N, C-alpha and C. Protein backbone atom coordinates (compact mmCIF):
# COMPACT_ATOMS: atom_id res chain seq x y z
N MET A 1 4.55 -16.85 -24.86
CA MET A 1 4.63 -16.47 -26.24
C MET A 1 5.52 -15.26 -26.44
N ALA A 2 5.36 -14.21 -25.61
CA ALA A 2 6.18 -13.01 -25.76
C ALA A 2 7.65 -13.33 -25.60
N LYS A 3 7.97 -14.24 -24.69
CA LYS A 3 9.36 -14.60 -24.46
C LYS A 3 10.00 -15.20 -25.71
N SER A 4 9.27 -16.08 -26.42
CA SER A 4 9.84 -16.69 -27.61
C SER A 4 9.98 -15.68 -28.75
N ILE A 5 9.05 -14.75 -28.85
CA ILE A 5 9.15 -13.71 -29.88
C ILE A 5 10.37 -12.84 -29.62
N VAL A 6 10.54 -12.43 -28.37
CA VAL A 6 11.70 -11.62 -28.01
C VAL A 6 12.99 -12.39 -28.29
N SER A 7 13.03 -13.67 -27.90
CA SER A 7 14.22 -14.49 -28.13
C SER A 7 14.56 -14.57 -29.60
N ARG A 8 13.56 -14.77 -30.44
CA ARG A 8 13.80 -14.92 -31.87
C ARG A 8 14.44 -13.66 -32.47
N PHE A 9 13.98 -12.49 -32.06
CA PHE A 9 14.47 -11.26 -32.67
C PHE A 9 15.71 -10.69 -32.01
N LEU A 10 15.89 -10.93 -30.72
CA LEU A 10 17.01 -10.30 -30.02
C LEU A 10 18.14 -11.26 -29.69
N GLY A 11 17.85 -12.53 -29.54
CA GLY A 11 18.88 -13.47 -29.10
C GLY A 11 19.18 -13.27 -27.63
N ARG A 12 19.98 -14.14 -27.07
CA ARG A 12 20.26 -14.11 -25.63
C ARG A 12 20.94 -12.81 -25.19
N THR A 13 21.94 -12.33 -25.94
CA THR A 13 22.65 -11.11 -25.57
C THR A 13 21.72 -9.90 -25.66
N GLY A 14 20.89 -9.86 -26.69
CA GLY A 14 19.95 -8.75 -26.85
C GLY A 14 18.93 -8.70 -25.73
N ILE A 15 18.48 -9.86 -25.28
CA ILE A 15 17.52 -9.90 -24.18
C ILE A 15 18.15 -9.35 -22.91
N ALA A 16 19.39 -9.73 -22.64
CA ALA A 16 20.06 -9.22 -21.44
C ALA A 16 20.20 -7.70 -21.50
N ALA A 17 20.55 -7.18 -22.66
CA ALA A 17 20.69 -5.72 -22.82
C ALA A 17 19.34 -5.04 -22.67
N LEU A 18 18.29 -5.65 -23.24
CA LEU A 18 16.96 -5.07 -23.14
C LEU A 18 16.50 -5.06 -21.69
N CYS A 19 16.70 -6.15 -20.97
CA CYS A 19 16.32 -6.21 -19.55
C CYS A 19 17.05 -5.15 -18.75
N ALA A 20 18.33 -4.98 -19.00
CA ALA A 20 19.11 -3.97 -18.28
C ALA A 20 18.58 -2.57 -18.58
N ALA A 21 18.25 -2.30 -19.83
CA ALA A 21 17.74 -0.98 -20.21
C ALA A 21 16.37 -0.74 -19.59
N VAL A 22 15.50 -1.74 -19.62
CA VAL A 22 14.17 -1.59 -19.06
C VAL A 22 14.24 -1.38 -17.56
N PHE A 23 15.05 -2.16 -16.87
CA PHE A 23 15.10 -2.06 -15.41
C PHE A 23 15.71 -0.74 -14.95
N THR A 24 16.68 -0.22 -15.66
CA THR A 24 17.32 1.04 -15.25
C THR A 24 16.66 2.25 -15.87
N GLY A 25 15.81 2.05 -16.87
CA GLY A 25 15.15 3.18 -17.52
C GLY A 25 16.07 3.90 -18.49
N ALA A 26 17.12 3.25 -18.94
CA ALA A 26 18.09 3.88 -19.84
C ALA A 26 17.40 4.37 -21.11
N GLY A 27 17.54 5.65 -21.39
CA GLY A 27 17.00 6.22 -22.62
C GLY A 27 15.50 6.48 -22.58
N PHE A 28 14.88 6.46 -21.42
CA PHE A 28 13.45 6.64 -21.33
C PHE A 28 13.13 8.02 -20.79
N GLY A 29 11.85 8.45 -20.93
CA GLY A 29 11.56 9.85 -20.70
C GLY A 29 10.75 10.25 -19.50
N ILE A 30 9.94 9.39 -18.93
CA ILE A 30 9.10 9.81 -17.81
C ILE A 30 9.77 9.43 -16.50
N ASP A 31 9.73 10.32 -15.54
CA ASP A 31 10.36 10.07 -14.25
C ASP A 31 9.31 9.69 -13.21
N LEU A 32 9.63 8.69 -12.42
CA LEU A 32 8.77 8.21 -11.34
C LEU A 32 9.39 8.57 -10.01
N GLN A 33 8.58 9.15 -9.13
CA GLN A 33 9.02 9.41 -7.77
C GLN A 33 7.98 8.84 -6.82
N ILE A 34 8.46 8.13 -5.80
CA ILE A 34 7.58 7.65 -4.73
C ILE A 34 7.86 8.55 -3.54
N GLU A 35 6.86 9.33 -3.15
CA GLU A 35 7.05 10.35 -2.12
C GLU A 35 6.19 10.06 -0.90
N ASN A 36 6.59 10.62 0.22
CA ASN A 36 5.84 10.48 1.47
C ASN A 36 5.54 9.01 1.76
N ASN A 37 6.54 8.18 1.57
CA ASN A 37 6.35 6.74 1.65
C ASN A 37 6.16 6.28 3.09
N GLN A 38 4.91 6.07 3.44
CA GLN A 38 4.54 5.51 4.74
C GLN A 38 3.75 4.22 4.52
N CYS A 39 4.13 3.48 3.47
CA CYS A 39 3.40 2.28 3.07
C CYS A 39 3.34 1.28 4.22
N PRO A 40 2.20 0.73 4.53
CA PRO A 40 0.95 0.67 3.78
C PRO A 40 -0.06 1.77 4.10
N ASP A 41 0.28 2.69 5.00
CA ASP A 41 -0.68 3.74 5.36
C ASP A 41 -0.93 4.71 4.21
N SER A 42 0.15 5.24 3.64
CA SER A 42 -0.02 6.20 2.54
C SER A 42 1.30 6.42 1.81
N PHE A 43 1.19 6.86 0.58
CA PHE A 43 2.33 7.30 -0.23
C PHE A 43 1.78 8.01 -1.47
N THR A 44 2.66 8.69 -2.17
CA THR A 44 2.29 9.41 -3.39
C THR A 44 3.18 8.95 -4.54
N ILE A 45 2.56 8.67 -5.67
CA ILE A 45 3.33 8.38 -6.89
C ILE A 45 3.23 9.61 -7.77
N THR A 46 4.40 10.14 -8.13
CA THR A 46 4.49 11.35 -8.93
C THR A 46 5.16 11.05 -10.26
N ALA A 47 4.59 11.60 -11.33
CA ALA A 47 5.17 11.50 -12.67
C ALA A 47 5.67 12.88 -13.09
N ILE A 48 6.90 12.92 -13.59
CA ILE A 48 7.52 14.16 -14.04
C ILE A 48 8.09 13.93 -15.44
N ASN A 49 8.06 14.94 -16.27
CA ASN A 49 8.61 14.89 -17.63
C ASN A 49 7.88 13.93 -18.54
N GLY A 50 6.58 13.75 -18.31
CA GLY A 50 5.78 12.92 -19.20
C GLY A 50 5.28 13.75 -20.38
N THR A 51 4.51 13.10 -21.24
CA THR A 51 3.91 13.79 -22.37
C THR A 51 2.80 14.71 -21.85
N PRO A 52 2.84 16.00 -22.19
CA PRO A 52 1.81 16.92 -21.72
C PRO A 52 0.41 16.42 -22.06
N ASN A 53 -0.48 16.47 -21.06
CA ASN A 53 -1.89 16.11 -21.18
C ASN A 53 -2.14 14.64 -21.54
N ALA A 54 -1.15 13.80 -21.35
CA ALA A 54 -1.29 12.38 -21.65
C ALA A 54 -1.81 11.61 -20.44
N THR A 55 -2.17 10.36 -20.70
CA THR A 55 -2.56 9.43 -19.64
C THR A 55 -1.35 8.57 -19.30
N VAL A 56 -1.18 8.29 -18.02
CA VAL A 56 -0.08 7.46 -17.54
C VAL A 56 -0.66 6.26 -16.79
N ALA A 57 -0.08 5.09 -17.04
CA ALA A 57 -0.48 3.88 -16.32
C ALA A 57 0.53 3.60 -15.21
N ILE A 58 0.02 3.27 -14.03
CA ILE A 58 0.86 2.80 -12.93
C ILE A 58 0.77 1.28 -12.96
N VAL A 59 1.92 0.63 -13.11
CA VAL A 59 1.95 -0.82 -13.23
C VAL A 59 2.79 -1.37 -12.09
N TRP A 60 2.30 -2.43 -11.43
CA TRP A 60 2.95 -3.03 -10.27
C TRP A 60 3.17 -4.51 -10.52
N ALA A 61 4.22 -5.06 -9.94
CA ALA A 61 4.45 -6.51 -9.93
C ALA A 61 5.19 -6.87 -8.65
N GLN A 62 5.08 -8.11 -8.27
CA GLN A 62 5.75 -8.57 -7.05
C GLN A 62 7.25 -8.70 -7.25
N PHE A 63 7.68 -8.90 -8.51
CA PHE A 63 9.09 -9.09 -8.84
C PHE A 63 9.44 -8.32 -10.10
N PRO A 64 10.72 -7.99 -10.30
CA PRO A 64 11.14 -7.44 -11.59
C PRO A 64 11.15 -8.56 -12.62
N GLY A 65 11.19 -8.21 -13.87
CA GLY A 65 11.20 -9.20 -14.94
C GLY A 65 11.15 -8.52 -16.28
N LEU A 66 10.58 -9.18 -17.26
CA LEU A 66 10.41 -8.61 -18.60
C LEU A 66 9.01 -8.94 -19.08
N PHE A 67 8.21 -7.91 -19.25
CA PHE A 67 6.84 -8.04 -19.75
C PHE A 67 6.73 -7.17 -20.98
N ILE A 68 6.21 -7.72 -22.07
CA ILE A 68 5.98 -6.96 -23.29
C ILE A 68 4.49 -6.63 -23.36
N VAL A 69 4.16 -5.34 -23.46
CA VAL A 69 2.75 -4.92 -23.52
C VAL A 69 2.11 -5.58 -24.74
N PRO A 70 1.04 -6.37 -24.53
CA PRO A 70 0.49 -7.18 -25.62
C PRO A 70 -0.50 -6.47 -26.54
N TYR A 71 -1.10 -5.37 -26.11
CA TYR A 71 -2.09 -4.69 -26.94
C TYR A 71 -2.26 -3.26 -26.46
N GLY A 72 -3.04 -2.48 -27.22
CA GLY A 72 -3.29 -1.09 -26.86
C GLY A 72 -2.33 -0.15 -27.58
N PRO A 73 -2.33 1.11 -27.18
CA PRO A 73 -1.51 2.10 -27.88
C PRO A 73 0.00 1.87 -27.74
N CYS A 74 0.41 1.10 -26.75
CA CYS A 74 1.84 0.87 -26.53
C CYS A 74 2.22 -0.60 -26.76
N THR A 75 1.53 -1.27 -27.66
CA THR A 75 1.84 -2.67 -27.99
C THR A 75 3.32 -2.83 -28.29
N GLY A 76 3.94 -3.83 -27.69
CA GLY A 76 5.35 -4.12 -27.93
C GLY A 76 6.31 -3.41 -27.00
N THR A 77 5.82 -2.52 -26.16
CA THR A 77 6.69 -1.80 -25.22
C THR A 77 7.12 -2.74 -24.10
N PRO A 78 8.43 -2.83 -23.84
CA PRO A 78 8.90 -3.68 -22.75
C PRO A 78 8.81 -2.97 -21.39
N LEU A 79 8.35 -3.69 -20.41
CA LEU A 79 8.33 -3.22 -19.03
C LEU A 79 9.25 -4.11 -18.21
N GLY A 80 9.84 -3.58 -17.18
CA GLY A 80 10.78 -4.33 -16.35
C GLY A 80 10.11 -5.03 -15.18
N LEU A 81 8.93 -5.60 -15.42
CA LEU A 81 8.14 -6.22 -14.36
C LEU A 81 7.81 -7.67 -14.70
N ASP A 82 7.63 -8.47 -13.66
CA ASP A 82 7.35 -9.90 -13.79
C ASP A 82 5.99 -10.15 -14.46
N PRO A 83 5.99 -10.88 -15.59
CA PRO A 83 4.72 -11.13 -16.28
C PRO A 83 3.74 -11.98 -15.47
N GLY A 84 4.22 -12.75 -14.53
CA GLY A 84 3.33 -13.59 -13.73
C GLY A 84 2.57 -12.86 -12.64
N THR A 85 3.06 -11.68 -12.23
CA THR A 85 2.41 -10.94 -11.14
C THR A 85 2.05 -9.51 -11.53
N ILE A 86 2.24 -9.15 -12.80
CA ILE A 86 2.01 -7.77 -13.23
C ILE A 86 0.53 -7.39 -13.09
N THR A 87 0.30 -6.16 -12.63
CA THR A 87 -1.05 -5.65 -12.41
C THR A 87 -1.10 -4.18 -12.80
N LEU A 88 -2.14 -3.80 -13.55
CA LEU A 88 -2.40 -2.40 -13.80
C LEU A 88 -3.09 -1.84 -12.57
N VAL A 89 -2.42 -0.92 -11.88
CA VAL A 89 -2.97 -0.35 -10.65
C VAL A 89 -4.05 0.66 -10.98
N GLN A 90 -3.70 1.63 -11.82
CA GLN A 90 -4.65 2.63 -12.28
C GLN A 90 -3.98 3.53 -13.30
N THR A 91 -4.79 4.36 -13.95
CA THR A 91 -4.27 5.38 -14.85
C THR A 91 -4.61 6.75 -14.27
N PHE A 92 -3.85 7.76 -14.70
CA PHE A 92 -4.14 9.13 -14.30
C PHE A 92 -3.64 10.06 -15.39
N SER A 93 -4.13 11.30 -15.36
CA SER A 93 -3.79 12.27 -16.40
C SER A 93 -2.70 13.21 -15.94
N LEU A 94 -1.84 13.56 -16.89
CA LEU A 94 -0.80 14.56 -16.65
C LEU A 94 -1.33 15.93 -17.04
N ASP A 95 -0.75 16.96 -16.47
CA ASP A 95 -1.13 18.32 -16.82
C ASP A 95 -0.38 18.77 -18.08
N GLY A 96 -0.53 20.01 -18.45
CA GLY A 96 0.10 20.55 -19.64
C GLY A 96 1.61 20.60 -19.58
N ASN A 97 2.18 20.41 -18.40
CA ASN A 97 3.64 20.37 -18.24
C ASN A 97 4.18 18.95 -18.12
N GLY A 98 3.31 17.95 -18.29
CA GLY A 98 3.76 16.56 -18.17
C GLY A 98 3.96 16.12 -16.73
N PHE A 99 3.22 16.74 -15.81
CA PHE A 99 3.34 16.44 -14.38
C PHE A 99 2.01 15.92 -13.86
N GLY A 100 2.06 14.96 -12.94
CA GLY A 100 0.85 14.49 -12.29
C GLY A 100 1.20 13.61 -11.11
N TYR A 101 0.23 13.40 -10.25
CA TYR A 101 0.48 12.54 -9.08
C TYR A 101 -0.82 11.89 -8.62
N VAL A 102 -0.65 10.80 -7.88
CA VAL A 102 -1.77 10.08 -7.27
C VAL A 102 -1.39 9.78 -5.83
N ASP A 103 -2.30 10.09 -4.91
CA ASP A 103 -2.11 9.74 -3.50
C ASP A 103 -2.80 8.41 -3.22
N PHE A 104 -2.11 7.55 -2.48
CA PHE A 104 -2.66 6.26 -2.10
C PHE A 104 -2.74 6.18 -0.58
N THR A 105 -3.82 5.56 -0.08
CA THR A 105 -3.96 5.32 1.36
C THR A 105 -4.48 3.89 1.57
N ASN A 106 -4.17 3.34 2.73
CA ASN A 106 -4.63 2.00 3.10
C ASN A 106 -4.32 0.96 2.03
N VAL A 107 -3.08 0.88 1.67
CA VAL A 107 -2.61 -0.02 0.62
C VAL A 107 -2.41 -1.42 1.20
N PRO A 108 -2.75 -2.47 0.44
CA PRO A 108 -2.47 -3.83 0.93
C PRO A 108 -0.96 -3.97 1.21
N PRO A 109 -0.58 -4.54 2.34
CA PRO A 109 0.83 -4.64 2.71
C PRO A 109 1.72 -5.30 1.65
N ILE A 110 1.18 -6.26 0.88
CA ILE A 110 2.01 -6.91 -0.13
C ILE A 110 2.50 -5.90 -1.19
N ALA A 111 1.70 -4.87 -1.45
CA ALA A 111 2.09 -3.87 -2.46
C ALA A 111 3.36 -3.14 -2.04
N CYS A 112 3.59 -3.03 -0.75
CA CYS A 112 4.76 -2.32 -0.24
C CYS A 112 6.05 -3.09 -0.45
N ARG A 113 5.94 -4.35 -0.85
CA ARG A 113 7.13 -5.17 -1.10
C ARG A 113 7.31 -5.43 -2.59
N GLY A 114 6.60 -4.69 -3.43
CA GLY A 114 6.65 -4.93 -4.86
C GLY A 114 7.46 -3.90 -5.62
N PHE A 115 7.28 -3.95 -6.93
CA PHE A 115 7.99 -3.07 -7.86
C PHE A 115 6.96 -2.31 -8.68
N VAL A 116 7.26 -1.07 -9.01
CA VAL A 116 6.32 -0.23 -9.74
C VAL A 116 7.04 0.46 -10.90
N GLN A 117 6.28 0.70 -11.97
CA GLN A 117 6.81 1.37 -13.15
C GLN A 117 5.68 2.17 -13.78
N LEU A 118 6.02 3.30 -14.40
CA LEU A 118 5.04 4.11 -15.11
C LEU A 118 5.16 3.86 -16.61
N LEU A 119 4.03 3.91 -17.30
CA LEU A 119 3.99 3.82 -18.76
C LEU A 119 3.22 5.02 -19.25
N ASP A 120 3.89 5.89 -19.99
CA ASP A 120 3.31 7.10 -20.57
C ASP A 120 2.59 6.67 -21.85
N LEU A 121 1.26 6.74 -21.85
CA LEU A 121 0.50 6.30 -23.01
C LEU A 121 0.52 7.30 -24.16
N GLY A 122 1.09 8.48 -23.91
CA GLY A 122 1.21 9.49 -24.96
C GLY A 122 2.33 9.18 -25.94
N ASN A 123 3.44 8.62 -25.43
CA ASN A 123 4.58 8.31 -26.30
C ASN A 123 5.18 6.94 -26.01
N CYS A 124 4.57 6.18 -25.12
CA CYS A 124 4.99 4.82 -24.73
C CYS A 124 6.33 4.78 -24.01
N ALA A 125 6.75 5.92 -23.47
CA ALA A 125 7.97 5.94 -22.66
C ALA A 125 7.68 5.28 -21.31
N THR A 126 8.70 4.70 -20.72
CA THR A 126 8.56 4.09 -19.41
C THR A 126 9.52 4.75 -18.43
N SER A 127 9.16 4.63 -17.17
CA SER A 127 10.05 5.11 -16.11
C SER A 127 11.00 3.99 -15.72
N THR A 128 11.89 4.28 -14.81
CA THR A 128 12.67 3.21 -14.20
C THR A 128 11.74 2.37 -13.34
N VAL A 129 12.16 1.18 -13.03
CA VAL A 129 11.44 0.32 -12.09
C VAL A 129 11.91 0.70 -10.68
N GLN A 130 10.96 0.92 -9.79
CA GLN A 130 11.32 1.27 -8.42
C GLN A 130 10.60 0.36 -7.45
N THR A 131 11.17 0.25 -6.27
CA THR A 131 10.55 -0.51 -5.20
C THR A 131 10.34 0.40 -4.00
N PHE A 132 9.48 -0.02 -3.11
CA PHE A 132 9.16 0.80 -1.94
C PHE A 132 10.17 0.64 -0.86
């Protein structure tokens, strides 16, 4: 359903431009860093330049793609992740400077071959899509 709605309003050229912007994070505000990457043993996901004191969602998918957030405070926000494999990993809070991080350990090996993106629930900004 989301695909047909996007097609109707953007057309084929608009969809290509939207996918490129979502995948590269063009014009978006929150920065994602994957640090200390020893996946599947451990790694850290860090958010920088987010909305102060906001909640951030970590979203993972096995492949890149185009997923439109269907409900919640960021309804209609495009993510650069595959709608067939997209998963909300968890949410976490940013501090007063828009900074936060989550440490992961003993991660399922398949997660290390996927793609991850942050969604700032304070202003619906997204990070670039990154892989491990």
